[in-house]
Amino acid sequence: MNYRLKYWRHYLVSHSRHGTHSPFVYKLVDEVIYQKEESAKDVLILPVAIQNAQRVEQKKYALVNRLLRTFVYDQFTYWTDHSEQVYPNLLQYHCGRYAYRHLYYIDRDELDLDFLGTVQDRDVLIINEPHQSEKREQYWNQLKQDSRVVVTIDLFRIGLVYFRQGQRKENFLIRF
């Protein structure tokens, strides 16, 4: 299916924060995903590569920045098919200590899901453009079906995967 048609389909079937039944996801959507940057001057703080990119990329970068500030982590893994340094620098900047959480930022066309055997309870996966290609969509769907994955949030341009014990398995489609 065409990428734009996929986007419009996602837009029509997805929900806002009021369509969620999970307190965790509602709070995440309300306090992190739907938060706007404070002013237009925040665009000037963006790295030059992102400043010169389309508005969609600026919005994605700002969202990832808010997510990294919210979910404190002390280790990260960056898997990509591209050689840009914008996101690794952001991940390194927000990396803290003693959080006992591993964050994975994945921007690849193909992904071997064997690494899920090492993922812990509080770890987070950020999947860039899960609907960009058939291969990405295939591993995105496999992630959603995996028994170890508890919560997935599909924002169309970014997919979030959470491993949270004590919560029932749910997949959310959220407008972003």
N, C-alpha and C. Protein backbone atom coordinates (compact mmCIF):
# COMPACT_ATOMS: atom_id res chain seq x y z
N MET A 1 0.84 -1.18 0.00
CA MET A 1 0.00 0.00 0.00
C MET A 1 0.89 1.24 0.00
N ASN A 2 0.46 2.26 -0.65
CA ASN A 2 1.17 3.53 -0.73
C ASN A 2 1.34 4.12 0.68
N TYR A 3 2.51 4.73 0.91
CA TYR A 3 2.84 5.29 2.23
C TYR A 3 1.81 6.35 2.65
N ARG A 4 1.40 7.20 1.75
CA ARG A 4 0.42 8.24 2.10
C ARG A 4 -0.94 7.65 2.40
N LEU A 5 -1.32 6.63 1.66
CA LEU A 5 -2.59 5.96 1.95
C LEU A 5 -2.54 5.29 3.32
N LYS A 6 -1.40 4.72 3.66
CA LYS A 6 -1.23 4.13 4.99
C LYS A 6 -1.39 5.20 6.07
N TYR A 7 -0.82 6.38 5.80
CA TYR A 7 -0.92 7.46 6.77
C TYR A 7 -2.39 7.86 6.98
N TRP A 8 -3.12 8.04 5.91
CA TRP A 8 -4.52 8.46 6.03
C TRP A 8 -5.37 7.39 6.69
N ARG A 9 -5.06 6.13 6.39
CA ARG A 9 -5.77 5.04 7.07
C ARG A 9 -5.49 5.09 8.57
N HIS A 10 -4.21 5.27 8.92
CA HIS A 10 -3.84 5.37 10.33
C HIS A 10 -4.57 6.54 10.98
N TYR A 11 -4.61 7.66 10.31
CA TYR A 11 -5.24 8.86 10.86
C TYR A 11 -6.73 8.62 11.14
N LEU A 12 -7.39 7.92 10.24
CA LEU A 12 -8.83 7.69 10.38
C LEU A 12 -9.18 6.67 11.47
N VAL A 13 -8.33 5.67 11.69
CA VAL A 13 -8.66 4.64 12.68
C VAL A 13 -7.99 4.88 14.04
N SER A 14 -7.05 5.80 14.13
CA SER A 14 -6.34 6.04 15.39
C SER A 14 -7.19 6.90 16.33
N HIS A 15 -6.75 6.95 17.57
CA HIS A 15 -7.45 7.69 18.61
C HIS A 15 -6.58 8.82 19.15
N SER A 16 -7.22 9.73 19.85
CA SER A 16 -6.47 10.71 20.62
C SER A 16 -6.27 10.11 22.01
N ARG A 17 -5.80 10.90 22.94
CA ARG A 17 -5.58 10.38 24.29
C ARG A 17 -6.88 9.90 24.94
N HIS A 18 -8.02 10.44 24.50
CA HIS A 18 -9.29 10.07 25.10
C HIS A 18 -9.78 8.70 24.64
N GLY A 19 -9.15 8.13 23.63
CA GLY A 19 -9.54 6.81 23.16
C GLY A 19 -8.76 5.69 23.81
N THR A 20 -7.94 6.02 24.80
CA THR A 20 -7.13 4.99 25.45
C THR A 20 -7.78 4.57 26.76
N HIS A 21 -7.61 3.31 27.13
CA HIS A 21 -8.18 2.79 28.37
C HIS A 21 -7.10 2.48 29.38
N SER A 22 -5.88 2.80 29.07
CA SER A 22 -4.76 2.51 29.95
C SER A 22 -4.30 3.81 30.61
N PRO A 23 -4.25 3.87 31.93
CA PRO A 23 -3.76 5.08 32.60
C PRO A 23 -2.33 5.43 32.20
N PHE A 24 -1.47 4.40 32.04
CA PHE A 24 -0.09 4.63 31.63
C PHE A 24 -0.04 5.31 30.27
N VAL A 25 -0.77 4.79 29.30
CA VAL A 25 -0.74 5.35 27.94
C VAL A 25 -1.41 6.71 27.90
N TYR A 26 -2.51 6.89 28.62
CA TYR A 26 -3.18 8.20 28.66
C TYR A 26 -2.22 9.26 29.18
N LYS A 27 -1.54 8.95 30.27
CA LYS A 27 -0.60 9.92 30.86
C LYS A 27 0.56 10.20 29.90
N LEU A 28 1.08 9.15 29.26
CA LEU A 28 2.17 9.32 28.30
C LEU A 28 1.73 10.20 27.13
N VAL A 29 0.56 9.94 26.60
CA VAL A 29 0.07 10.73 25.46
C VAL A 29 -0.17 12.17 25.89
N ASP A 30 -0.81 12.35 27.03
CA ASP A 30 -1.18 13.69 27.50
C ASP A 30 0.03 14.53 27.89
N GLU A 31 0.97 13.94 28.63
CA GLU A 31 2.07 14.72 29.19
C GLU A 31 3.34 14.72 28.35
N VAL A 32 3.46 13.79 27.40
CA VAL A 32 4.70 13.74 26.62
C VAL A 32 4.42 13.90 25.12
N ILE A 33 3.61 13.04 24.57
CA ILE A 33 3.42 13.03 23.12
C ILE A 33 2.71 14.29 22.63
N TYR A 34 1.66 14.72 23.32
CA TYR A 34 0.90 15.89 22.87
C TYR A 34 1.42 17.21 23.40
N GLN A 35 2.51 17.20 24.13
CA GLN A 35 3.08 18.46 24.61
C GLN A 35 3.77 19.18 23.46
N LYS A 36 3.51 20.43 23.33
CA LYS A 36 4.15 21.24 22.29
C LYS A 36 5.41 21.87 22.86
N GLU A 37 6.31 22.20 21.97
CA GLU A 37 7.51 22.91 22.42
C GLU A 37 7.09 24.29 22.90
N GLU A 38 7.86 24.86 23.79
CA GLU A 38 7.44 26.08 24.46
C GLU A 38 7.29 27.28 23.54
N SER A 39 8.15 27.41 22.54
CA SER A 39 8.04 28.55 21.65
C SER A 39 8.76 28.26 20.34
N ALA A 40 8.66 29.21 19.44
CA ALA A 40 9.32 29.06 18.14
C ALA A 40 10.84 29.07 18.28
N LYS A 41 11.35 29.65 19.36
CA LYS A 41 12.81 29.68 19.54
C LYS A 41 13.36 28.28 19.77
N ASP A 42 12.50 27.34 20.20
CA ASP A 42 12.94 25.96 20.40
C ASP A 42 13.38 25.32 19.08
N VAL A 43 12.84 25.79 17.97
CA VAL A 43 13.25 25.27 16.66
C VAL A 43 14.70 25.64 16.40
N LEU A 44 15.15 26.79 16.90
CA LEU A 44 16.53 27.21 16.70
C LEU A 44 17.51 26.37 17.51
N ILE A 45 17.02 25.69 18.56
CA ILE A 45 17.88 24.84 19.38
C ILE A 45 18.14 23.51 18.69
N LEU A 46 17.30 23.15 17.73
CA LEU A 46 17.45 21.89 17.02
C LEU A 46 18.79 21.85 16.29
N PRO A 47 19.35 20.66 16.12
CA PRO A 47 20.57 20.54 15.30
C PRO A 47 20.32 21.04 13.88
N VAL A 48 21.35 21.51 13.23
CA VAL A 48 21.23 22.09 11.90
C VAL A 48 20.59 21.11 10.92
N ALA A 49 20.97 19.85 10.99
CA ALA A 49 20.40 18.85 10.08
C ALA A 49 18.90 18.73 10.24
N ILE A 50 18.40 18.90 11.46
CA ILE A 50 16.96 18.82 11.72
C ILE A 50 16.30 20.15 11.39
N GLN A 51 16.97 21.27 11.66
CA GLN A 51 16.41 22.59 11.31
C GLN A 51 16.12 22.68 9.82
N ASN A 52 17.00 22.11 9.01
CA ASN A 52 16.86 22.18 7.56
C ASN A 52 15.94 21.10 7.00
N ALA A 53 15.48 20.19 7.85
CA ALA A 53 14.61 19.10 7.41
C ALA A 53 13.16 19.58 7.37
N GLN A 54 12.30 18.70 6.89
CA GLN A 54 10.88 19.02 6.83
C GLN A 54 10.31 19.14 8.23
N ARG A 55 9.14 19.74 8.33
CA ARG A 55 8.48 19.95 9.61
C ARG A 55 8.21 18.61 10.32
N VAL A 56 7.91 17.58 9.56
CA VAL A 56 7.66 16.26 10.14
C VAL A 56 8.88 15.77 10.89
N GLU A 57 10.06 15.93 10.32
CA GLU A 57 11.29 15.50 10.99
C GLU A 57 11.54 16.32 12.25
N GLN A 58 11.27 17.61 12.20
CA GLN A 58 11.43 18.45 13.38
C GLN A 58 10.50 17.99 14.50
N LYS A 59 9.28 17.67 14.13
CA LYS A 59 8.29 17.21 15.10
C LYS A 59 8.70 15.86 15.71
N LYS A 60 9.22 14.96 14.88
CA LYS A 60 9.68 13.66 15.37
C LYS A 60 10.87 13.83 16.32
N TYR A 61 11.82 14.67 15.95
CA TYR A 61 12.99 14.90 16.79
C TYR A 61 12.57 15.46 18.16
N ALA A 62 11.65 16.42 18.14
CA ALA A 62 11.17 17.01 19.39
C ALA A 62 10.47 15.95 20.25
N LEU A 63 9.71 15.07 19.62
CA LEU A 63 9.04 14.00 20.37
C LEU A 63 10.06 13.05 20.99
N VAL A 64 11.04 12.63 20.23
CA VAL A 64 12.07 11.73 20.76
C VAL A 64 12.80 12.42 21.91
N ASN A 65 13.07 13.68 21.79
CA ASN A 65 13.71 14.45 22.87
C ASN A 65 12.85 14.41 24.14
N ARG A 66 11.54 14.64 24.01
CA ARG A 66 10.64 14.60 25.17
C ARG A 66 10.59 13.19 25.77
N LEU A 67 10.56 12.17 24.90
CA LEU A 67 10.54 10.79 25.40
C LEU A 67 11.80 10.47 26.19
N LEU A 68 12.94 10.92 25.68
CA LEU A 68 14.22 10.64 26.35
C LEU A 68 14.31 11.35 27.70
N ARG A 69 13.71 12.52 27.80
CA ARG A 69 13.69 13.23 29.08
C ARG A 69 12.77 12.55 30.08
N THR A 70 11.71 11.91 29.58
CA THR A 70 10.72 11.28 30.45
C THR A 70 11.17 9.92 30.95
N PHE A 71 11.69 9.09 30.06
CA PHE A 71 12.10 7.74 30.42
C PHE A 71 13.60 7.71 30.64
N VAL A 72 13.99 7.88 31.88
CA VAL A 72 15.40 7.91 32.24
C VAL A 72 16.00 6.54 31.96
N TYR A 73 17.18 6.53 31.36
CA TYR A 73 17.86 5.28 31.01
C TYR A 73 19.35 5.47 31.22
N ASP A 74 20.03 4.34 31.43
CA ASP A 74 21.47 4.42 31.63
C ASP A 74 22.26 3.68 30.55
N GLN A 75 21.56 3.02 29.63
CA GLN A 75 22.21 2.36 28.50
C GLN A 75 21.32 2.55 27.28
N PHE A 76 21.96 2.64 26.12
CA PHE A 76 21.16 2.71 24.90
C PHE A 76 21.88 1.99 23.78
N THR A 77 21.06 1.56 22.82
CA THR A 77 21.56 0.93 21.62
C THR A 77 20.94 1.66 20.44
N TYR A 78 21.77 1.99 19.47
CA TYR A 78 21.32 2.73 18.29
C TYR A 78 21.61 1.89 17.06
N TRP A 79 20.55 1.36 16.44
CA TRP A 79 20.69 0.55 15.23
C TRP A 79 20.08 1.31 14.07
N THR A 80 20.89 1.55 13.05
CA THR A 80 20.40 2.30 11.90
C THR A 80 21.07 1.83 10.63
N ASP A 81 20.42 2.11 9.52
CA ASP A 81 21.00 1.87 8.21
C ASP A 81 21.63 3.14 7.65
N HIS A 82 21.50 4.24 8.39
CA HIS A 82 22.00 5.55 7.95
C HIS A 82 23.20 5.96 8.79
N SER A 83 23.95 6.91 8.32
CA SER A 83 25.16 7.32 9.05
C SER A 83 25.03 8.66 9.75
N GLU A 84 23.81 9.16 9.92
CA GLU A 84 23.66 10.47 10.57
C GLU A 84 23.98 10.40 12.05
N GLN A 85 24.45 11.48 12.61
CA GLN A 85 24.87 11.52 14.01
C GLN A 85 23.89 12.29 14.89
N VAL A 86 22.76 12.71 14.36
CA VAL A 86 21.85 13.56 15.12
C VAL A 86 21.25 12.79 16.30
N TYR A 87 20.67 11.64 16.05
CA TYR A 87 20.02 10.89 17.12
C TYR A 87 21.01 10.25 18.10
N PRO A 88 22.14 9.70 17.65
CA PRO A 88 23.09 9.18 18.66
C PRO A 88 23.57 10.27 19.62
N ASN A 89 23.77 11.48 19.12
CA ASN A 89 24.18 12.58 19.99
C ASN A 89 23.09 12.89 21.02
N LEU A 90 21.83 12.87 20.58
CA LEU A 90 20.70 13.12 21.48
C LEU A 90 20.61 12.01 22.54
N LEU A 91 20.76 10.77 22.11
CA LEU A 91 20.71 9.64 23.04
C LEU A 91 21.84 9.74 24.08
N GLN A 92 23.03 10.08 23.62
CA GLN A 92 24.17 10.21 24.53
C GLN A 92 23.95 11.36 25.51
N TYR A 93 23.37 12.46 25.05
CA TYR A 93 23.13 13.63 25.89
C TYR A 93 22.19 13.30 27.05
N HIS A 94 21.16 12.52 26.80
CA HIS A 94 20.15 12.22 27.83
C HIS A 94 20.47 10.98 28.66
N CYS A 95 21.50 10.25 28.31
CA CYS A 95 21.83 9.02 29.02
C CYS A 95 22.26 9.35 30.44
N GLY A 96 21.60 8.73 31.42
CA GLY A 96 21.88 9.03 32.83
C GLY A 96 22.59 7.89 33.52
N ARG A 97 22.39 7.84 34.83
CA ARG A 97 23.02 6.80 35.64
C ARG A 97 21.99 6.15 36.54
N TYR A 98 22.22 4.89 36.83
CA TYR A 98 21.44 4.14 37.80
C TYR A 98 19.94 4.11 37.51
N ALA A 99 19.57 4.11 36.27
CA ALA A 99 18.16 4.03 35.90
C ALA A 99 17.73 2.59 35.69
N TYR A 100 18.68 1.72 35.41
CA TYR A 100 18.41 0.30 35.15
C TYR A 100 17.38 0.12 34.03
N ARG A 101 17.52 0.93 33.02
CA ARG A 101 16.65 0.82 31.85
C ARG A 101 17.53 0.95 30.61
N HIS A 102 17.26 0.10 29.64
CA HIS A 102 17.97 0.13 28.37
C HIS A 102 17.00 0.66 27.31
N LEU A 103 17.45 1.60 26.52
CA LEU A 103 16.63 2.18 25.47
C LEU A 103 17.22 1.77 24.12
N TYR A 104 16.38 1.32 23.23
CA TYR A 104 16.79 0.92 21.88
C TYR A 104 16.16 1.87 20.88
N TYR A 105 16.98 2.52 20.07
CA TYR A 105 16.47 3.34 18.97
C TYR A 105 16.79 2.58 17.69
N ILE A 106 15.74 2.20 16.94
CA ILE A 106 15.90 1.33 15.78
C ILE A 106 15.39 2.04 14.54
N ASP A 107 16.28 2.19 13.55
CA ASP A 107 15.94 2.81 12.27
C ASP A 107 16.53 1.94 11.16
N ARG A 108 16.01 0.72 11.04
CA ARG A 108 16.53 -0.24 10.07
C ARG A 108 15.39 -0.82 9.25
N ASP A 109 15.76 -1.28 8.05
CA ASP A 109 14.77 -1.95 7.22
C ASP A 109 14.58 -3.40 7.62
N GLU A 110 15.62 -4.03 8.14
CA GLU A 110 15.51 -5.42 8.58
C GLU A 110 15.99 -5.50 10.02
N LEU A 111 15.30 -6.34 10.79
CA LEU A 111 15.63 -6.46 12.21
C LEU A 111 15.44 -7.91 12.63
N ASP A 112 16.48 -8.46 13.24
CA ASP A 112 16.40 -9.81 13.80
C ASP A 112 15.89 -9.68 15.24
N LEU A 113 14.76 -10.27 15.52
CA LEU A 113 14.13 -10.10 16.83
C LEU A 113 14.71 -11.00 17.91
N ASP A 114 15.83 -11.65 17.65
CA ASP A 114 16.47 -12.49 18.67
C ASP A 114 16.94 -11.66 19.87
N PHE A 115 17.18 -10.38 19.67
CA PHE A 115 17.65 -9.54 20.77
C PHE A 115 16.60 -9.40 21.88
N LEU A 116 15.34 -9.72 21.58
CA LEU A 116 14.29 -9.59 22.59
C LEU A 116 14.51 -10.51 23.78
N GLY A 117 15.32 -11.53 23.61
CA GLY A 117 15.65 -12.42 24.72
C GLY A 117 16.45 -11.74 25.81
N THR A 118 17.13 -10.66 25.49
CA THR A 118 17.93 -9.92 26.48
C THR A 118 17.22 -8.69 27.04
N VAL A 119 16.05 -8.37 26.52
CA VAL A 119 15.33 -7.18 26.95
C VAL A 119 14.75 -7.41 28.34
N GLN A 120 14.86 -6.41 29.20
CA GLN A 120 14.37 -6.48 30.57
C GLN A 120 12.99 -5.83 30.69
N ASP A 121 12.44 -5.88 31.90
CA ASP A 121 11.09 -5.41 32.17
C ASP A 121 10.87 -3.93 31.85
N ARG A 122 11.76 -3.07 32.16
CA ARG A 122 11.54 -1.62 32.02
C ARG A 122 12.10 -1.04 30.73
N ASP A 123 12.65 -1.84 29.86
CA ASP A 123 13.29 -1.35 28.64
C ASP A 123 12.26 -0.80 27.65
N VAL A 124 12.74 0.08 26.76
CA VAL A 124 11.88 0.75 25.79
C VAL A 124 12.52 0.65 24.41
N LEU A 125 11.68 0.41 23.41
CA LEU A 125 12.13 0.42 22.02
C LEU A 125 11.45 1.59 21.32
N ILE A 126 12.23 2.36 20.57
CA ILE A 126 11.70 3.42 19.71
C ILE A 126 12.01 2.99 18.29
N ILE A 127 10.97 2.75 17.51
CA ILE A 127 11.11 2.31 16.13
C ILE A 127 10.80 3.50 15.22
N ASN A 128 11.79 3.93 14.46
CA ASN A 128 11.58 5.04 13.53
C ASN A 128 10.91 4.53 12.25
N GLU A 129 9.84 5.18 11.85
CA GLU A 129 9.12 4.88 10.61
C GLU A 129 8.77 3.39 10.47
N PRO A 130 7.93 2.85 11.35
CA PRO A 130 7.61 1.42 11.26
C PRO A 130 6.78 1.04 10.03
N HIS A 131 6.23 2.02 9.32
CA HIS A 131 5.41 1.73 8.14
C HIS A 131 6.06 2.15 6.84
N GLN A 132 7.33 2.48 6.88
CA GLN A 132 8.02 3.01 5.71
C GLN A 132 8.20 1.97 4.60
N SER A 133 8.41 0.71 4.96
CA SER A 133 8.59 -0.33 3.96
C SER A 133 7.91 -1.61 4.43
N GLU A 134 7.78 -2.55 3.53
CA GLU A 134 7.16 -3.83 3.87
C GLU A 134 7.97 -4.57 4.94
N LYS A 135 9.29 -4.53 4.85
CA LYS A 135 10.14 -5.22 5.83
C LYS A 135 9.99 -4.62 7.22
N ARG A 136 9.92 -3.28 7.28
CA ARG A 136 9.73 -2.63 8.57
C ARG A 136 8.37 -2.97 9.15
N GLU A 137 7.38 -2.95 8.31
CA GLU A 137 6.04 -3.29 8.79
C GLU A 137 5.97 -4.73 9.26
N GLN A 138 6.70 -5.59 8.61
CA GLN A 138 6.71 -6.99 8.99
C GLN A 138 7.29 -7.18 10.39
N TYR A 139 8.46 -6.56 10.67
CA TYR A 139 9.00 -6.74 12.02
C TYR A 139 8.23 -5.94 13.06
N TRP A 140 7.59 -4.85 12.66
CA TRP A 140 6.73 -4.10 13.58
C TRP A 140 5.55 -4.99 14.00
N ASN A 141 4.93 -5.67 13.07
CA ASN A 141 3.82 -6.58 13.39
C ASN A 141 4.29 -7.76 14.23
N GLN A 142 5.49 -8.26 13.97
CA GLN A 142 6.03 -9.34 14.78
C GLN A 142 6.28 -8.87 16.22
N LEU A 143 6.76 -7.64 16.37
CA LEU A 143 6.95 -7.08 17.72
C LEU A 143 5.62 -7.00 18.46
N LYS A 144 4.58 -6.53 17.79
CA LYS A 144 3.28 -6.39 18.43
C LYS A 144 2.73 -7.74 18.88
N GLN A 145 3.04 -8.79 18.15
CA GLN A 145 2.51 -10.11 18.48
C GLN A 145 3.38 -10.87 19.49
N ASP A 146 4.59 -10.43 19.72
CA ASP A 146 5.50 -11.14 20.63
C ASP A 146 4.92 -11.14 22.05
N SER A 147 5.03 -12.27 22.72
CA SER A 147 4.46 -12.40 24.06
C SER A 147 5.19 -11.56 25.11
N ARG A 148 6.44 -11.22 24.88
CA ARG A 148 7.20 -10.41 25.84
C ARG A 148 6.83 -8.94 25.77
N VAL A 149 6.32 -8.50 24.64
CA VAL A 149 5.92 -7.10 24.46
C VAL A 149 4.56 -6.91 25.10
N VAL A 150 4.44 -5.87 25.95
CA VAL A 150 3.19 -5.64 26.65
C VAL A 150 2.40 -4.49 26.02
N VAL A 151 3.04 -3.37 25.77
CA VAL A 151 2.35 -2.20 25.21
C VAL A 151 3.09 -1.72 23.97
N THR A 152 2.34 -1.52 22.88
CA THR A 152 2.89 -0.85 21.70
C THR A 152 2.03 0.36 21.42
N ILE A 153 2.69 1.42 21.02
CA ILE A 153 1.99 2.65 20.64
C ILE A 153 2.45 3.01 19.24
N ASP A 154 1.52 3.00 18.32
CA ASP A 154 1.80 3.29 16.92
C ASP A 154 1.40 4.74 16.64
N LEU A 155 2.40 5.59 16.44
CA LEU A 155 2.18 6.99 16.09
C LEU A 155 2.36 7.22 14.59
N PHE A 156 2.41 6.18 13.84
CA PHE A 156 2.67 6.08 12.42
C PHE A 156 4.12 6.35 12.08
N ARG A 157 4.66 7.48 12.41
CA ARG A 157 6.04 7.79 12.07
C ARG A 157 7.03 7.28 13.12
N ILE A 158 6.51 6.97 14.30
CA ILE A 158 7.31 6.40 15.38
C ILE A 158 6.49 5.32 16.06
N GLY A 159 7.14 4.22 16.35
CA GLY A 159 6.51 3.16 17.12
C GLY A 159 7.21 3.02 18.45
N LEU A 160 6.44 2.92 19.52
CA LEU A 160 6.99 2.77 20.87
C LEU A 160 6.61 1.40 21.40
N VAL A 161 7.58 0.71 21.97
CA VAL A 161 7.36 -0.63 22.50
C VAL A 161 7.82 -0.64 23.96
N TYR A 162 6.91 -1.09 24.84
CA TYR A 162 7.20 -1.13 26.28
C TYR A 162 7.07 -2.54 26.80
N PHE A 163 7.94 -2.86 27.72
CA PHE A 163 7.94 -4.15 28.40
C PHE A 163 7.63 -3.85 29.86
N ARG A 164 6.35 -3.98 30.22
CA ARG A 164 5.89 -3.60 31.56
C ARG A 164 5.16 -4.78 32.19
N GLN A 165 5.73 -5.33 33.23
CA GLN A 165 5.07 -6.41 33.95
C GLN A 165 3.85 -5.86 34.68
N GLY A 166 2.82 -6.68 34.79
CA GLY A 166 1.65 -6.27 35.55
C GLY A 166 0.61 -5.52 34.74
N GLN A 167 0.83 -5.32 33.49
CA GLN A 167 -0.14 -4.64 32.64
C GLN A 167 -0.56 -5.61 31.55
N ARG A 168 -1.83 -5.52 31.15
CA ARG A 168 -2.26 -6.45 30.10
C ARG A 168 -1.76 -5.98 28.74
N LYS A 169 -1.64 -6.91 27.85
CA LYS A 169 -1.10 -6.65 26.51
C LYS A 169 -2.10 -5.81 25.71
N GLU A 170 -1.61 -4.68 25.15
CA GLU A 170 -2.45 -3.80 24.35
C GLU A 170 -1.61 -3.15 23.25
N ASN A 171 -2.26 -2.90 22.11
CA ASN A 171 -1.66 -2.17 21.00
C ASN A 171 -2.51 -0.94 20.75
N PHE A 172 -1.86 0.22 20.76
CA PHE A 172 -2.60 1.48 20.61
C PHE A 172 -2.21 2.15 19.30
N LEU A 173 -3.20 2.72 18.64
CA LEU A 173 -2.99 3.57 17.47
C LEU A 173 -3.33 4.99 17.92
N ILE A 174 -2.33 5.85 17.97
CA ILE A 174 -2.51 7.22 18.47
C ILE A 174 -2.18 8.21 17.37
N ARG A 175 -3.02 9.24 17.24
CA ARG A 175 -2.74 10.30 16.28
C ARG A 175 -1.61 11.16 16.77
N PHE A 176 -0.71 11.50 15.86
CA PHE A 176 0.40 12.38 16.21
C PHE A 176 0.66 13.33 15.06
